[in-house]
Amino acid sequence: MKNIIAGLVALLLLVTFSSCGSSADPQFRVSNQITDKANIQIQTSGGNTININGVDAGQTTAYQSVAEGNTDVTVGIQNQSATPTTSFYAYKDNKYTIVIIDGNPPTLRVDQ
């Protein structure tokens, strides 16, 4: 009888602890590694759009949260006609850095 009660208590604790866990929304930031200012547009699969304007050369922005799902990134660069783009899937509990890489034309890289 004691074994049954101990087993039930252990099972109850296991269920309680597993239901308390929560997943955090994905987060991203932008690192501008080119010599010109950049304007970044992030569009999520939920239809939300985040605009980050005037990211100076060498600057890294603070993290921002987005919903889990497909994420499209478009960058407009001051004094350049190039508009690099990339897409990635943002998973819960992950942080991403969108890196604007200097080149001809500039490119984007997503670090996790």
Protein backbone atom coordinates (compact mmCIF):
# COMPACT_ATOMS: atom_id res chain seq x y z
CA MET A 1 0.00 0.00 0.00
CA LYS A 2 2.86 2.39 0.83
CA ASN A 3 4.44 1.68 -2.57
CA ILE A 4 1.21 2.55 -4.38
CA ILE A 5 0.83 5.83 -2.49
CA ALA A 6 4.50 6.72 -3.07
CA GLY A 7 4.11 5.91 -6.79
CA LEU A 8 1.00 8.08 -7.08
CA VAL A 9 2.72 10.98 -5.32
CA ALA A 10 5.75 10.65 -7.62
CA LEU A 11 3.49 10.56 -10.69
CA LEU A 12 1.60 13.63 -9.49
CA LEU A 13 4.84 15.54 -8.96
CA LEU A 14 6.12 14.53 -12.39
CA VAL A 15 2.93 15.72 -14.09
CA THR A 16 2.97 18.97 -12.10
CA PHE A 17 6.58 19.80 -12.99
CA SER A 18 6.18 18.95 -16.66
CA SER A 19 3.10 21.15 -17.03
CA CYS A 20 4.88 24.13 -15.43
CA GLY A 21 7.46 24.42 -18.23
CA SER A 22 6.84 27.12 -20.79
CA SER A 23 8.54 27.99 -24.03
CA ALA A 24 9.81 31.49 -24.69
CA ASP A 25 9.09 33.22 -27.99
CA PRO A 26 12.02 33.44 -30.41
CA GLN A 27 14.13 36.58 -30.20
CA PHE A 28 16.27 38.35 -32.77
CA ARG A 29 18.67 41.25 -33.02
CA VAL A 30 20.49 42.90 -35.93
CA SER A 31 24.24 43.40 -36.27
CA ASN A 32 25.25 45.92 -38.96
CA GLN A 33 28.75 45.04 -40.19
CA ILE A 34 28.78 47.45 -43.16
CA THR A 35 29.86 51.10 -43.33
CA ASP A 36 26.40 52.56 -44.09
CA LYS A 37 23.21 52.86 -42.06
CA ALA A 38 20.64 50.13 -42.59
CA ASN A 39 16.86 49.91 -42.31
CA ILE A 40 15.57 46.44 -41.53
CA GLN A 41 12.08 45.03 -42.05
CA ILE A 42 11.20 41.71 -40.38
CA GLN A 43 7.92 40.08 -41.36
CA THR A 44 6.64 37.03 -39.50
CA SER A 45 4.30 34.30 -40.72
CA GLY A 46 1.66 35.72 -38.37
CA GLY A 47 1.54 38.87 -40.52
CA ASN A 48 3.34 41.13 -38.05
CA THR A 49 6.02 43.46 -39.36
CA ILE A 50 8.83 44.96 -37.30
CA ASN A 51 10.81 47.89 -38.71
CA ILE A 52 14.18 48.88 -37.29
CA ASN A 53 15.44 52.06 -38.93
CA GLY A 54 18.82 53.78 -38.84
CA VAL A 55 21.05 50.98 -37.55
CA ASP A 56 24.50 52.58 -37.66
CA ALA A 57 27.66 50.89 -38.91
CA GLY A 58 29.04 48.49 -36.33
CA GLN A 59 25.90 48.70 -34.16
CA THR A 60 24.02 45.70 -32.76
CA THR A 61 20.41 46.24 -31.69
CA ALA A 62 18.70 44.89 -28.59
CA TYR A 63 16.78 41.61 -28.80
CA GLN A 64 13.12 41.72 -29.83
CA SER A 65 10.57 38.92 -29.57
CA VAL A 66 8.61 37.51 -32.50
CA ALA A 67 6.12 34.70 -32.89
CA GLU A 68 7.41 31.28 -33.84
CA GLY A 69 7.28 30.63 -37.57
CA ASN A 70 8.63 31.75 -40.92
CA THR A 71 10.50 35.03 -40.77
CA ASP A 72 11.37 37.15 -43.82
CA VAL A 73 14.07 39.82 -43.55
CA THR A 74 14.63 42.69 -45.99
CA VAL A 75 17.38 45.27 -45.55
CA GLY A 76 17.57 48.70 -47.18
CA ILE A 77 21.05 50.18 -47.10
CA GLN A 78 21.72 53.91 -47.25
CA ASN A 79 23.64 55.02 -50.37
CA GLN A 80 23.25 51.58 -52.02
CA SER A 81 20.68 50.11 -54.37
CA ALA A 82 21.13 46.57 -53.03
CA THR A 83 18.35 45.20 -50.80
CA PRO A 84 19.57 41.90 -49.34
CA THR A 85 16.90 39.47 -48.17
CA THR A 86 16.79 36.19 -46.28
CA SER A 87 14.23 33.89 -44.72
CA PHE A 88 14.44 31.51 -41.80
CA TYR A 89 12.19 29.62 -39.41
CA ALA A 90 12.25 31.09 -35.90
CA TYR A 91 11.85 28.39 -33.24
CA LYS A 92 10.73 28.95 -29.65
CA ASP A 93 13.48 29.21 -27.02
CA ASN A 94 16.03 30.42 -29.61
CA LYS A 95 17.86 33.70 -30.12
CA TYR A 96 18.97 34.83 -33.57
CA THR A 97 21.37 37.49 -34.80
CA ILE A 98 20.76 38.82 -38.30
CA VAL A 99 24.18 39.93 -39.55
CA ILE A 100 24.51 42.40 -42.43
CA ILE A 101 27.78 41.44 -44.13
CA ASP A 102 29.84 43.88 -46.18
CA GLY A 103 30.40 42.80 -49.76
CA ASN A 104 29.47 43.59 -53.32
CA PRO A 105 26.52 43.22 -53.01
CA PRO A 106 26.00 43.10 -49.22
CA THR A 107 24.54 39.84 -47.89
CA LEU A 108 22.74 38.59 -44.78
CA ARG A 109 23.59 35.77 -42.42
CA VAL A 110 21.43 34.44 -39.58
CA ASP A 111 23.36 33.19 -36.54
CA GLN A 112 21.72 31.18 -33.79
